[in-house]
Amino acid sequence: MSFIHRELASGKWRELSFLEQMGNIGSEIDRTIKWKLQQKPDLSSKVFERALELVDLTIQDPKNLKRLRELCRVREALVDYFIYDNQYESNDDLWHQYFYVFAYAAQNRKHLQGFENKPS
């Protein structure tokens, strides 16, 4: 299988926390939306392929086994929204809000870990 994110697929992705993985997926989804709004379907499609690959890598990560149902549903809803008929009635803002929470939590977690590791 050929990967767009070869280095991540070789194991680096699994080194990221679940929050970091989802935050990174959200960045790709935000870029997908940006290109869609700028009416650049080719760019939007390429970025969406990268996002789906990251979702798939997240699904395959053993630490996320308990989250498998949510991850598969997210993948299904993303494909429904960006490729098919949007039966789930998603929108750009919903996707931004969904993924923003993960990015925010990942940043807070890093900040707190840095604070905890500082010498007193």
PDB file of N, CA and C in Angstrom:
ATOM      1  N   MET A   1       0.848  -1.182   0.000  1.00  0.00           N
ATOM      2  CA  MET A   1       0.000   0.000   0.000  1.00  0.00           C
ATOM      3  C   MET A   1       0.890   1.241   0.000  1.00  0.00           C
ATOM      4  N   SER A   2       0.508   2.206  -0.793  1.00  0.00           N
ATOM      5  CA  SER A   2       1.266   3.451  -0.888  1.00  0.00           C
ATOM      6  C   SER A   2       0.628   4.508   0.015  1.00  0.00           C
ATOM      7  N   PHE A   3       1.453   5.133   0.840  1.00  0.00           N
ATOM      8  CA  PHE A   3       0.967   6.129   1.778  1.00  0.00           C
ATOM      9  C   PHE A   3       1.389   7.523   1.359  1.00  0.00           C
ATOM     10  N   ILE A   4       0.547   8.488   1.609  1.00  0.00           N
ATOM     11  CA  ILE A   4       0.884   9.891   1.401  1.00  0.00           C
ATOM     12  C   ILE A   4       1.815  10.330   2.528  1.00  0.00           C
ATOM     13  N   HIS A   5       1.470   9.935   3.743  1.00  0.00           N
ATOM     14  CA  HIS A   5       2.255  10.249   4.944  1.00  0.00           C
ATOM     15  C   HIS A   5       3.136   9.040   5.283  1.00  0.00           C
ATOM     16  N   ARG A   6       4.171   8.802   4.489  1.00  0.00           N
ATOM     17  CA  ARG A   6       4.989   7.589   4.661  1.00  0.00           C
ATOM     18  C   ARG A   6       5.618   7.497   6.051  1.00  0.00           C
ATOM     19  N   GLU A   7       6.186   8.604   6.509  1.00  0.00           N
ATOM     20  CA  GLU A   7       6.869   8.588   7.809  1.00  0.00           C
ATOM     21  C   GLU A   7       5.873   8.323   8.940  1.00  0.00           C
ATOM     22  N   LEU A   8       4.713   8.957   8.858  1.00  0.00           N
ATOM     23  CA  LEU A   8       3.694   8.744   9.886  1.00  0.00           C
ATOM     24  C   LEU A   8       3.191   7.299   9.844  1.00  0.00           C
ATOM     25  N   ALA A   9       2.993   6.783   8.632  1.00  0.00           N
ATOM     26  CA  ALA A   9       2.492   5.416   8.483  1.00  0.00           C
ATOM     27  C   ALA A   9       3.500   4.388   8.977  1.00  0.00           C
ATOM     28  N   SER A  10       4.779   4.737   8.975  1.00  0.00           N
ATOM     29  CA  SER A  10       5.809   3.785   9.405  1.00  0.00           C
ATOM     30  C   SER A  10       5.895   3.665  10.932  1.00  0.00           C
ATOM     31  N   GLY A  11       5.067   4.402  11.652  1.00  0.00           N
ATOM     32  CA  GLY A  11       5.033   4.258  13.106  1.00  0.00           C
ATOM     33  C   GLY A  11       5.014   5.558  13.878  1.00  0.00           C
ATOM     34  N   LYS A  12       5.396   6.647  13.250  1.00  0.00           N
ATOM     35  CA  LYS A  12       5.434   7.941  13.949  1.00  0.00           C
ATOM     36  C   LYS A  12       4.040   8.372  14.419  1.00  0.00           C
ATOM     37  N   TRP A  13       3.020   8.032  13.647  1.00  0.00           N
ATOM     38  CA  TRP A  13       1.657   8.430  14.003  1.00  0.00           C
ATOM     39  C   TRP A  13       1.250   7.840  15.351  1.00  0.00           C
ATOM     40  N   ARG A  14       1.665   6.624  15.600  1.00  0.00           N
ATOM     41  CA  ARG A  14       1.306   5.938  16.847  1.00  0.00           C
ATOM     42  C   ARG A  14       1.999   6.554  18.057  1.00  0.00           C
ATOM     43  N   GLU A  15       3.049   7.336  17.831  1.00  0.00           N
ATOM     44  CA  GLU A  15       3.734   8.012  18.934  1.00  0.00           C
ATOM     45  C   GLU A  15       2.942   9.215  19.444  1.00  0.00           C
ATOM     46  N   LEU A  16       2.033   9.706  18.618  1.00  0.00           N
ATOM     47  CA  LEU A  16       1.206  10.843  19.021  1.00  0.00           C
ATOM     48  C   LEU A  16       0.068  10.371  19.912  1.00  0.00           C
ATOM     49  N   SER A  17      -0.346  11.235  20.824  1.00  0.00           N
ATOM     50  CA  SER A  17      -1.510  10.914  21.650  1.00  0.00           C
ATOM     51  C   SER A  17      -2.765  10.963  20.774  1.00  0.00           C
ATOM     52  N   PHE A  18      -3.832  10.386  21.274  1.00  0.00           N
ATOM     53  CA  PHE A  18      -5.103  10.439  20.551  1.00  0.00           C
ATOM     54  C   PHE A  18      -5.515  11.888  20.290  1.00  0.00           C
ATOM     55  N   LEU A  19      -5.343  12.750  21.280  1.00  0.00           N
ATOM     56  CA  LEU A  19      -5.700  14.166  21.101  1.00  0.00           C
ATOM     57  C   LEU A  19      -4.885  14.807  19.985  1.00  0.00           C
ATOM     58  N   GLU A  20      -3.589  14.505  19.945  1.00  0.00           N
ATOM     59  CA  GLU A  20      -2.738  15.062  18.886  1.00  0.00           C
ATOM     60  C   GLU A  20      -3.131  14.509  17.519  1.00  0.00           C
ATOM     61  N   GLN A  21      -3.455  13.230  17.465  1.00  0.00           N
ATOM     62  CA  GLN A  21      -3.879  12.639  16.198  1.00  0.00           C
ATOM     63  C   GLN A  21      -5.137  13.341  15.679  1.00  0.00           C
ATOM     64  N   MET A  22      -6.121  13.492  16.549  1.00  0.00           N
ATOM     65  CA  MET A  22      -7.375  14.114  16.125  1.00  0.00           C
ATOM     66  C   MET A  22      -7.181  15.597  15.779  1.00  0.00           C
ATOM     67  N   GLY A  23      -6.329  16.281  16.523  1.00  0.00           N
ATOM     68  CA  GLY A  23      -6.039  17.677  16.209  1.00  0.00           C
ATOM     69  C   GLY A  23      -5.399  17.820  14.836  1.00  0.00           C
ATOM     70  N   ASN A  24      -4.499  16.903  14.500  1.00  0.00           N
ATOM     71  CA  ASN A  24      -3.866  16.924  13.182  1.00  0.00           C
ATOM     72  C   ASN A  24      -4.860  16.606  12.069  1.00  0.00           C
ATOM     73  N   ILE A  25      -5.744  15.676  12.323  1.00  0.00           N
ATOM     74  CA  ILE A  25      -6.799  15.390  11.338  1.00  0.00           C
ATOM     75  C   ILE A  25      -7.638  16.648  11.127  1.00  0.00           C
ATOM     76  N   GLY A  26      -7.951  17.319  12.233  1.00  0.00           N
ATOM     77  CA  GLY A  26      -8.741  18.543  12.147  1.00  0.00           C
ATOM     78  C   GLY A  26      -8.072  19.619  11.314  1.00  0.00           C
ATOM     79  N   SER A  27      -6.747  19.710  11.396  1.00  0.00           N
ATOM     80  CA  SER A  27      -6.018  20.676  10.572  1.00  0.00           C
ATOM     81  C   SER A  27      -6.210  20.379   9.089  1.00  0.00           C
ATOM     82  N   GLU A  28      -6.156  19.097   8.748  1.00  0.00           N
ATOM     83  CA  GLU A  28      -6.369  18.714   7.349  1.00  0.00           C
ATOM     84  C   GLU A  28      -7.813  18.986   6.916  1.00  0.00           C
ATOM     85  N   ILE A  29      -8.761  18.746   7.812  1.00  0.00           N
ATOM     86  CA  ILE A  29     -10.164  19.021   7.481  1.00  0.00           C
ATOM     87  C   ILE A  29     -10.371  20.523   7.303  1.00  0.00           C
ATOM     88  N   ASP A  30      -9.762  21.332   8.162  1.00  0.00           N
ATOM     89  CA  ASP A  30      -9.868  22.793   8.001  1.00  0.00           C
ATOM     90  C   ASP A  30      -9.293  23.228   6.655  1.00  0.00           C
ATOM     91  N   ARG A  31      -8.172  22.629   6.234  1.00  0.00           N
ATOM     92  CA  ARG A  31      -7.595  22.961   4.920  1.00  0.00           C
ATOM     93  C   ARG A  31      -8.509  22.499   3.793  1.00  0.00           C
ATOM     94  N   THR A  32      -9.115  21.336   3.971  1.00  0.00           N
ATOM     95  CA  THR A  32     -10.068  20.843   2.970  1.00  0.00           C
ATOM     96  C   THR A  32     -11.200  21.851   2.785  1.00  0.00           C
ATOM     97  N   ILE A  33     -11.733  22.329   3.891  1.00  0.00           N
ATOM     98  CA  ILE A  33     -12.827  23.300   3.851  1.00  0.00           C
ATOM     99  C   ILE A  33     -12.361  24.606   3.206  1.00  0.00           C
ATOM    100  N   LYS A  34     -11.156  25.043   3.566  1.00  0.00           N
ATOM    101  CA  LYS A  34     -10.619  26.285   3.015  1.00  0.00           C
ATOM    102  C   LYS A  34     -10.572  26.219   1.488  1.00  0.00           C
ATOM    103  N   TRP A  35     -10.025  25.124   0.961  1.00  0.00           N
ATOM    104  CA  TRP A  35      -9.922  24.996  -0.490  1.00  0.00           C
ATOM    105  C   TRP A  35     -11.290  24.825  -1.138  1.00  0.00           C
ATOM    106  N   LYS A  36     -12.187  24.165  -0.446  1.00  0.00           N
ATOM    107  CA  LYS A  36     -13.552  24.009  -0.974  1.00  0.00           C
ATOM    108  C   LYS A  36     -14.220  25.375  -1.100  1.00  0.00           C
ATOM    109  N   LEU A  37     -14.083  26.202  -0.058  1.00  0.00           N
ATOM    110  CA  LEU A  37     -14.693  27.542  -0.070  1.00  0.00           C
ATOM    111  C   LEU A  37     -14.068  28.443  -1.128  1.00  0.00           C
ATOM    112  N   GLN A  38     -12.796  28.210  -1.433  1.00  0.00           N
ATOM    113  CA  GLN A  38     -12.122  28.986  -2.473  1.00  0.00           C
ATOM    114  C   GLN A  38     -12.356  28.396  -3.864  1.00  0.00           C
ATOM    115  N   GLN A  39     -13.257  27.431  -3.916  1.00  0.00           N
ATOM    116  CA  GLN A  39     -13.650  26.760  -5.157  1.00  0.00           C
ATOM    117  C   GLN A  39     -12.447  26.176  -5.901  1.00  0.00           C
ATOM    118  N   LYS A  40     -11.623  25.476  -5.144  1.00  0.00           N
ATOM    119  CA  LYS A  40     -10.464  24.768  -5.708  1.00  0.00           C
ATOM    120  C   LYS A  40     -10.652  23.278  -5.396  1.00  0.00           C
ATOM    121  N   PRO A  41     -11.544  22.619  -6.138  1.00  0.00           N
ATOM    122  CA  PRO A  41     -11.898  21.224  -5.821  1.00  0.00           C
ATOM    123  C   PRO A  41     -10.721  20.250  -5.896  1.00  0.00           C
ATOM    124  N   ASP A  42      -9.773  20.477  -6.801  1.00  0.00           N
ATOM    125  CA  ASP A  42      -8.633  19.562  -6.894  1.00  0.00           C
ATOM    126  C   ASP A  42      -7.795  19.611  -5.625  1.00  0.00           C
ATOM    127  N   LEU A  43      -7.506  20.816  -5.136  1.00  0.00           N
ATOM    128  CA  LEU A  43      -6.726  20.954  -3.905  1.00  0.00           C
ATOM    129  C   LEU A  43      -7.501  20.416  -2.709  1.00  0.00           C
ATOM    130  N   SER A  44      -8.790  20.733  -2.666  1.00  0.00           N
ATOM    131  CA  SER A  44      -9.631  20.254  -1.576  1.00  0.00           C
ATOM    132  C   SER A  44      -9.652  18.729  -1.539  1.00  0.00           C
ATOM    133  N   SER A  45      -9.755  18.123  -2.682  1.00  0.00           N
ATOM    134  CA  SER A  45      -9.801  16.662  -2.777  1.00  0.00           C
ATOM    135  C   SER A  45      -8.487  16.028  -2.311  1.00  0.00           C
ATOM    136  N   LYS A  46      -7.357  16.612  -2.713  1.00  0.00           N
ATOM    137  CA  LYS A  46      -6.054  16.074  -2.303  1.00  0.00           C
ATOM    138  C   LYS A  46      -5.863  16.174  -0.790  1.00  0.00           C
ATOM    139  N   VAL A  47      -6.255  17.302  -0.222  1.00  0.00           N
ATOM    140  CA  VAL A  47      -6.116  17.470   1.224  1.00  0.00           C
ATOM    141  C   VAL A  47      -7.059  16.512   1.949  1.00  0.00           C
ATOM    142  N   PHE A  48      -8.251  16.324   1.412  1.00  0.00           N
ATOM    143  CA  PHE A  48      -9.197  15.399   2.042  1.00  0.00           C
ATOM    144  C   PHE A  48      -8.653  13.969   2.019  1.00  0.00           C
ATOM    145  N   GLU A  49      -7.981  13.582   0.940  1.00  0.00           N
ATOM    146  CA  GLU A  49      -7.348  12.252   0.893  1.00  0.00           C
ATOM    147  C   GLU A  49      -6.330  12.105   2.017  1.00  0.00           C
ATOM    148  N   ARG A  50      -5.556  13.157   2.264  1.00  0.00           N
ATOM    149  CA  ARG A  50      -4.576  13.112   3.355  1.00  0.00           C
ATOM    150  C   ARG A  50      -5.287  12.976   4.696  1.00  0.00           C
ATOM    151  N   ALA A  51      -6.389  13.708   4.858  1.00  0.00           N
ATOM    152  CA  ALA A  51      -7.151  13.626   6.110  1.00  0.00           C
ATOM    153  C   ALA A  51      -7.682  12.214   6.324  1.00  0.00           C
ATOM    154  N   LEU A  52      -8.224  11.614   5.281  1.00  0.00           N
ATOM    155  CA  LEU A  52      -8.751  10.244   5.404  1.00  0.00           C
ATOM    156  C   LEU A  52      -7.645   9.253   5.744  1.00  0.00           C
ATOM    157  N   GLU A  53      -6.471   9.462   5.173  1.00  0.00           N
ATOM    158  CA  GLU A  53      -5.359   8.574   5.513  1.00  0.00           C
ATOM    159  C   GLU A  53      -5.024   8.688   6.996  1.00  0.00           C
ATOM    160  N   LEU A  54      -5.043   9.904   7.528  1.00  0.00           N
ATOM    161  CA  LEU A  54      -4.770  10.082   8.959  1.00  0.00           C
ATOM    162  C   LEU A  54      -5.871   9.455   9.812  1.00  0.00           C
ATOM    163  N   VAL A  55      -7.106   9.559   9.365  1.00  0.00           N
ATOM    164  CA  VAL A  55      -8.203   8.892  10.088  1.00  0.00           C
ATOM    165  C   VAL A  55      -7.959   7.384  10.090  1.00  0.00           C
ATOM    166  N   ASP A  56      -7.580   6.842   8.948  1.00  0.00           N
ATOM    167  CA  ASP A  56      -7.330   5.402   8.860  1.00  0.00           C
ATOM    168  C   ASP A  56      -6.167   4.979   9.756  1.00  0.00           C
ATOM    169  N   LEU A  57      -5.107   5.784   9.792  1.00  0.00           N
ATOM    170  CA  LEU A  57      -3.983   5.464  10.681  1.00  0.00           C
ATOM    171  C   LEU A  57      -4.420   5.518  12.147  1.00  0.00           C
ATOM    172  N   THR A  58      -5.314   6.433  12.464  1.00  0.00           N
ATOM    173  CA  THR A  58      -5.831   6.546  13.830  1.00  0.00           C
ATOM    174  C   THR A  58      -6.690   5.331  14.171  1.00  0.00           C
ATOM    175  N   ILE A  59      -7.493   4.887  13.226  1.00  0.00           N
ATOM    176  CA  ILE A  59      -8.315   3.690  13.416  1.00  0.00           C
ATOM    177  C   ILE A  59      -7.432   2.460  13.643  1.00  0.00           C
ATOM    178  N   GLN A  60      -6.311   2.388  12.937  1.00  0.00           N
ATOM    179  CA  GLN A  60      -5.419   1.229  13.038  1.00  0.00           C
ATOM    180  C   GLN A  60      -4.535   1.253  14.285  1.00  0.00           C
ATOM    181  N   ASP A  61      -4.457   2.371  14.965  1.00  0.00           N
ATOM    182  CA  ASP A  61      -3.604   2.496  16.146  1.00  0.00           C
ATOM    183  C   ASP A  61      -4.220   1.707  17.307  1.00  0.00           C
ATOM    184  N   PRO A  62      -3.507   0.700  17.837  1.00  0.00           N
ATOM    185  CA  PRO A  62      -4.054  -0.155  18.894  1.00  0.00           C
ATOM    186  C   PRO A  62      -4.517   0.602  20.140  1.00  0.00           C
ATOM    187  N   LYS A  63      -3.900   1.732  20.457  1.00  0.00           N
ATOM    188  CA  LYS A  63      -4.305   2.461  21.660  1.00  0.00           C
ATOM    189  C   LYS A  63      -5.704   3.059  21.522  1.00  0.00           C
ATOM    190  N   ASN A  64      -6.215   3.115  20.293  1.00  0.00           N
ATOM    191  CA  ASN A  64      -7.520   3.719  20.058  1.00  0.00           C
ATOM    192  C   ASN A  64      -8.636   2.688  19.908  1.00  0.00           C
ATOM    193  N   LEU A  65      -8.373   1.466  20.292  1.00  0.00           N
ATOM    194  CA  LEU A  65      -9.347   0.388  20.122  1.00  0.00           C
ATOM    195  C   LEU A  65     -10.687   0.724  20.783  1.00  0.00           C
ATOM    196  N   LYS A  66     -10.658   1.344  21.957  1.00  0.00           N
ATOM    197  CA  LYS A  66     -11.898   1.677  22.655  1.00  0.00           C
ATOM    198  C   LYS A  66     -12.669   2.787  21.946  1.00  0.00           C
ATOM    199  N   ARG A  67     -12.010   3.478  21.058  1.00  0.00           N
ATOM    200  CA  ARG A  67     -12.639   4.594  20.337  1.00  0.00           C
ATOM    201  C   ARG A  67     -13.006   4.214  18.903  1.00  0.00           C
ATOM    202  N   LEU A  68     -12.887   2.945  18.584  1.00  0.00           N
ATOM    203  CA  LEU A  68     -13.068   2.489  17.214  1.00  0.00           C
ATOM    204  C   LEU A  68     -14.435   2.858  16.638  1.00  0.00           C
ATOM    205  N   ARG A  69     -15.481   2.716  17.425  1.00  0.00           N
ATOM    206  CA  ARG A  69     -16.824   3.031  16.935  1.00  0.00           C
ATOM    207  C   ARG A  69     -16.930   4.505  16.543  1.00  0.00           C
ATOM    208  N   GLU A  70     -16.434   5.393  17.414  1.00  0.00           N
ATOM    209  CA  GLU A  70     -16.481   6.824  17.110  1.00  0.00           C
ATOM    210  C   GLU A  70     -15.643   7.154  15.882  1.00  0.00           C
ATOM    211  N   LEU A  71     -14.440   6.582  15.819  1.00  0.00           N
ATOM    212  CA  LEU A  71     -13.553   6.879  14.698  1.00  0.00           C
ATOM    213  C   LEU A  71     -14.144   6.421  13.368  1.00  0.00           C
ATOM    214  N   CYS A  72     -14.739   5.250  13.357  1.00  0.00           N
ATOM    215  CA  CYS A  72     -15.365   4.753  12.127  1.00  0.00           C
ATOM    216  C   CYS A  72     -16.567   5.611  11.739  1.00  0.00           C
ATOM    217  N   ARG A  73     -17.316   6.058  12.734  1.00  0.00           N
ATOM    218  CA  ARG A  73     -18.464   6.924  12.444  1.00  0.00           C
ATOM    219  C   ARG A  73     -18.005   8.290  11.920  1.00  0.00           C
ATOM    220  N   VAL A  74     -16.931   8.819  12.491  1.00  0.00           N
ATOM    221  CA  VAL A  74     -16.381  10.093  12.009  1.00  0.00           C
ATOM    222  C   VAL A  74     -15.945   9.946  10.556  1.00  0.00           C
ATOM    223  N   ARG A  75     -15.264   8.846  10.259  1.00  0.00           N
ATOM    224  CA  ARG A  75     -14.816   8.625   8.878  1.00  0.00           C
ATOM    225  C   ARG A  75     -16.018   8.565   7.935  1.00  0.00           C
ATOM    226  N   GLU A  76     -17.027   7.823   8.345  1.00  0.00           N
ATOM    227  CA  GLU A  76     -18.235   7.693   7.536  1.00  0.00           C
ATOM    228  C   GLU A  76     -18.895   9.046   7.303  1.00  0.00           C
ATOM    229  N   ALA A  77     -18.999   9.840   8.346  1.00  0.00           N
ATOM    230  CA  ALA A  77     -19.654  11.155   8.228  1.00  0.00           C
ATOM    231  C   ALA A  77     -18.821  12.124   7.389  1.00  0.00           C
ATOM    232  N   LEU A  78     -17.495  12.056   7.516  1.00  0.00           N
ATOM    233  CA  LEU A  78     -16.632  12.907   6.691  1.00  0.00           C
ATOM    234  C   LEU A  78     -16.799  12.572   5.211  1.00  0.00           C
ATOM    235  N   VAL A  79     -16.772  11.295   4.895  1.00  0.00           N
ATOM    236  CA  VAL A  79     -16.945  10.873   3.498  1.00  0.00           C
ATOM    237  C   VAL A  79     -18.329  11.287   3.002  1.00  0.00           C
ATOM    238  N   ASP A  80     -19.343  11.113   3.833  1.00  0.00           N
ATOM    239  CA  ASP A  80     -20.694  11.530   3.465  1.00  0.00           C
ATOM    240  C   ASP A  80     -20.739  13.021   3.146  1.00  0.00           C
ATOM    241  N   TYR A  81     -20.060  13.824   3.967  1.00  0.00           N
ATOM    242  CA  TYR A  81     -20.106  15.277   3.789  1.00  0.00           C
ATOM    243  C   TYR A  81     -19.298  15.750   2.585  1.00  0.00           C
ATOM    244  N   PHE A  82     -18.065  15.267   2.464  1.00  0.00           N
ATOM    245  CA  PHE A  82     -17.177  15.803   1.437  1.00  0.00           C
ATOM    246  C   PHE A  82     -17.294  15.107   0.082  1.00  0.00           C
ATOM    247  N   ILE A  83     -17.823  13.886   0.051  1.00  0.00           N
ATOM    248  CA  ILE A  83     -17.863  13.152  -1.213  1.00  0.00           C
ATOM    249  C   ILE A  83     -19.289  12.834  -1.670  1.00  0.00           C
ATOM    250  N   TYR A  84     -20.155  12.465  -0.723  1.00  0.00           N
ATOM    251  CA  TYR A  84     -21.488  12.027  -1.116  1.00  0.00           C
ATOM    252  C   TYR A  84     -22.551  13.097  -0.874  1.00  0.00           C
ATOM    253  N   ASP A  85     -23.731  12.703  -0.445  1.00  0.00           N
ATOM    254  CA  ASP A  85     -24.900  13.588  -0.423  1.00  0.00           C
ATOM    255  C   ASP A  85     -25.163  14.291   0.901  1.00  0.00           C
ATOM    256  N   ASN A  86     -24.283  14.161   1.862  1.00  0.00           N
ATOM    257  CA  ASN A  86     -24.436  14.795   3.172  1.00  0.00           C
ATOM    258  C   ASN A  86     -25.758  14.400   3.839  1.00  0.00           C
ATOM    259  N   GLN A  87     -26.008  13.111   3.900  1.00  0.00           N
ATOM    260  CA  GLN A  87     -27.222  12.606   4.548  1.00  0.00           C
ATOM    261  C   GLN A  87     -27.247  12.918   6.035  1.00  0.00           C
ATOM    262  N   TYR A  88     -26.060  13.076   6.645  1.00  0.00           N
ATOM    263  CA  TYR A  88     -25.997  13.379   8.075  1.00  0.00           C
ATOM    264  C   TYR A  88     -26.131  14.874   8.351  1.00  0.00           C
ATOM    265  N   GLU A  89     -26.255  15.649   7.289  1.00  0.00           N
ATOM    266  CA  GLU A  89     -26.458  17.101   7.394  1.00  0.00           C
ATOM    267  C   GLU A  89     -25.353  17.801   8.181  1.00  0.00           C
ATOM    268  N   SER A  90     -24.122  17.421   7.902  1.00  0.00           N
ATOM    269  CA  SER A  90     -22.964  18.085   8.500  1.00  0.00           C
ATOM    270  C   SER A  90     -22.771  19.443   7.842  1.00  0.00           C
ATOM    271  N   ASN A  91     -21.906  20.246   8.431  1.00  0.00           N
ATOM    272  CA  ASN A  91     -21.535  21.514   7.808  1.00  0.00           C
ATOM    273  C   ASN A  91     -20.110  21.872   8.212  1.00  0.00           C
ATOM    274  N   ASP A  92     -19.561  22.865   7.545  1.00  0.00           N
ATOM    275  CA  ASP A  92     -18.169  23.249   7.796  1.00  0.00           C
ATOM    276  C   ASP A  92     -17.940  23.606   9.258  1.00  0.00           C
ATOM    277  N   ASP A  93     -18.839  24.367   9.832  1.00  0.00           N
ATOM    278  CA  ASP A  93     -18.680  24.816  11.216  1.00  0.00           C
ATOM    279  C   ASP A  93     -18.718  23.641  12.196  1.00  0.00           C
ATOM    280  N   LEU A  94     -19.587  22.692  11.952  1.00  0.00           N
ATOM    281  CA  LEU A  94     -19.670  21.510  12.809  1.00  0.00           C
ATOM    282  C   LEU A  94     -18.333  20.777  12.830  1.00  0.00           C
ATOM    283  N   TRP A  95     -17.736  20.583  11.647  1.00  0.00           N
ATOM    284  CA  TRP A  95     -16.463  19.865  11.584  1.00  0.00           C
ATOM    285  C   TRP A  95     -15.349  20.654  12.256  1.00  0.00           C
ATOM    286  N   HIS A  96     -15.353  21.963  12.056  1.00  0.00           N
ATOM    287  CA  HIS A  96     -14.340  22.791  12.714  1.00  0.00           C
ATOM    288  C   HIS A  96     -14.471  22.668  14.236  1.00  0.00           C
ATOM    289  N   GLN A  97     -15.684  22.782  14.740  1.00  0.00           N
ATOM    290  CA  GLN A  97     -15.904  22.698  16.189  1.00  0.00           C
ATOM    291  C   GLN A  97     -15.545  21.318  16.741  1.00  0.00           C
ATOM    292  N   TYR A  98     -15.898  20.274  16.019  1.00  0.00           N
ATOM    293  CA  TYR A  98     -15.616  18.912  16.480  1.00  0.00           C
ATOM    294  C   TYR A  98     -14.114  18.714  16.670  1.00  0.00           C
ATOM    295  N   PHE A  99     -13.337  19.076  15.675  1.00  0.00           N
ATOM    296  CA  PHE A  99     -11.896  18.834  15.752  1.00  0.00           C
ATOM    297  C   PHE A  99     -11.165  19.869  16.595  1.00  0.00           C
ATOM    298  N   TYR A 100     -11.701  21.077  16.697  1.00  0.00           N
ATOM    299  CA  TYR A 100     -11.049  22.121  17.481  1.00  0.00           C
ATOM    300  C   TYR A 100     -10.871  21.691  18.939  1.00  0.00           C
ATOM    301  N   VAL A 101     -11.845  21.003  19.473  1.00  0.00           N
ATOM    302  CA  VAL A 101     -11.797  20.548  20.864  1.00  0.00           C
ATOM    303  C   VAL A 101     -10.558  19.671  21.098  1.00  0.00           C
ATOM    304  N   PHE A 102     -10.263  18.796  20.162  1.00  0.00           N
ATOM    305  CA  PHE A 102      -9.102  17.922  20.298  1.00  0.00           C
ATOM    306  C   PHE A 102      -7.797  18.709  20.237  1.00  0.00           C
ATOM    307  N   ALA A 103      -7.706  19.633  19.288  1.00  0.00           N
ATOM    308  CA  ALA A 103      -6.486  20.440  19.167  1.00  0.00           C
ATOM    309  C   ALA A 103      -6.278  21.282  20.412  1.00  0.00           C
ATOM    310  N   TYR A 104      -7.356  21.854  20.925  1.00  0.00           N
ATOM    311  CA  TYR A 104      -7.285  22.678  22.129  1.00  0.00           C
ATOM    312  C   TYR A 104      -6.832  21.836  23.332  1.00  0.00           C
ATOM    313  N   ALA A 105      -7.415  20.661  23.470  1.00  0.00           N
ATOM    314  CA  ALA A 105      -7.060  19.777  24.588  1.00  0.00           C
ATOM    315  C   ALA A 105      -5.607  19.312  24.476  1.00  0.00           C
ATOM    316  N   ALA A 106      -5.162  19.005  23.265  1.00  0.00           N
ATOM    317  CA  ALA A 106      -3.775  18.565  23.073  1.00  0.00           C
ATOM    318  C   ALA A 106      -2.807  19.683  23.442  1.00  0.00           C
ATOM    319  N   GLN A 107      -3.120  20.906  23.048  1.00  0.00           N
ATOM    320  CA  GLN A 107      -2.254  22.047  23.387  1.00  0.00           C
ATOM    321  C   GLN A 107      -2.236  22.288  24.894  1.00  0.00           C
ATOM    322  N   ASN A 108      -3.385  22.224  25.520  1.00  0.00           N
ATOM    323  CA  ASN A 108      -3.452  22.402  26.979  1.00  0.00           C
ATOM    324  C   ASN A 108      -2.655  21.324  27.689  1.00  0.00           C
ATOM    325  N   ARG A 109      -2.766  20.120  27.218  1.00  0.00           N
ATOM    326  CA  ARG A 109      -2.049  19.003  27.831  1.00  0.00           C
ATOM    327  C   ARG A 109      -0.537  19.206  27.722  1.00  0.00           C
ATOM    328  N   LYS A 110      -0.078  19.644  26.545  1.00  0.00           N
ATOM    329  CA  LYS A 110       1.358  19.912  26.366  1.00  0.00           C
ATOM    330  C   LYS A 110       1.808  21.041  27.282  1.00  0.00           C
ATOM    331  N   HIS A 111       0.986  22.073  27.364  1.00  0.00           N
ATOM    332  CA  HIS A 111       1.320  23.218  28.217  1.00  0.00           C
ATOM    333  C   HIS A 111       1.414  22.782  29.681  1.00  0.00           C
ATOM    334  N   LEU A 112       0.457  21.994  30.122  1.00  0.00           N
ATOM    335  CA  LEU A 112       0.465  21.532  31.510  1.00  0.00           C
ATOM    336  C   LEU A 112       1.637  20.604  31.783  1.00  0.00           C
ATOM    337  N   GLN A 113       1.973  19.751  30.834  1.00  0.00           N
ATOM    338  CA  GLN A 113       3.118  18.861  31.017  1.00  0.00           C
ATOM    339  C   GLN A 113       4.408  19.667  31.111  1.00  0.00           C
ATOM    340  N   GLY A 114       4.531  20.710  30.320  1.00  0.00           N
ATOM    341  CA  GLY A 114       5.697  21.569  30.369  1.00  0.00           C
ATOM    342  C   GLY A 114       5.783  22.287  31.709  1.00  0.00           C
ATOM    343  N   PHE A 115       4.643  22.690  32.226  1.00  0.00           N
ATOM    344  CA  PHE A 115       4.590  23.378  33.510  1.00  0.00           C
ATOM    345  C   PHE A 115       4.978  22.421  34.641  1.00  0.00           C
ATOM    346  N   GLU A 116       4.488  21.185  34.555  1.00  0.00           N
ATOM    347  CA  GLU A 116       4.768  20.185  35.594  1.00  0.00           C
ATOM    348  C   GLU A 116       6.251  19.791  35.604  1.00  0.00           C
ATOM    349  N   ASN A 117       6.888  19.845  34.450  1.00  0.00           N
ATOM    350  CA  ASN A 117       8.283  19.409  34.327  1.00  0.00           C
ATOM    351  C   ASN A 117       9.287  20.524  34.645  1.00  0.00           C
ATOM    352  N   LYS A 118       8.804  21.738  34.902  1.00  0.00           N
ATOM    353  CA  LYS A 118       9.707  22.834  35.232  1.00  0.00           C
ATOM    354  C   LYS A 118      10.231  22.661  36.658  1.00  0.00           C
ATOM    355  N   PRO A 119      11.516  22.916  36.845  1.00  0.00           N
ATOM    356  CA  PRO A 119      12.038  22.853  38.231  1.00  0.00           C
ATOM    357  C   PRO A 119      11.460  23.965  39.077  1.00  0.00           C
ATOM    358  N   SER A 120      11.195  23.675  40.347  1.00  0.00           N
ATOM    359  CA  SER A 120      10.618  24.695  41.208  1.00  0.00           C
ATOM    360  C   SER A 120      11.668  25.420  41.999  1.00  0.00           C
TER     361      SER A 120
END
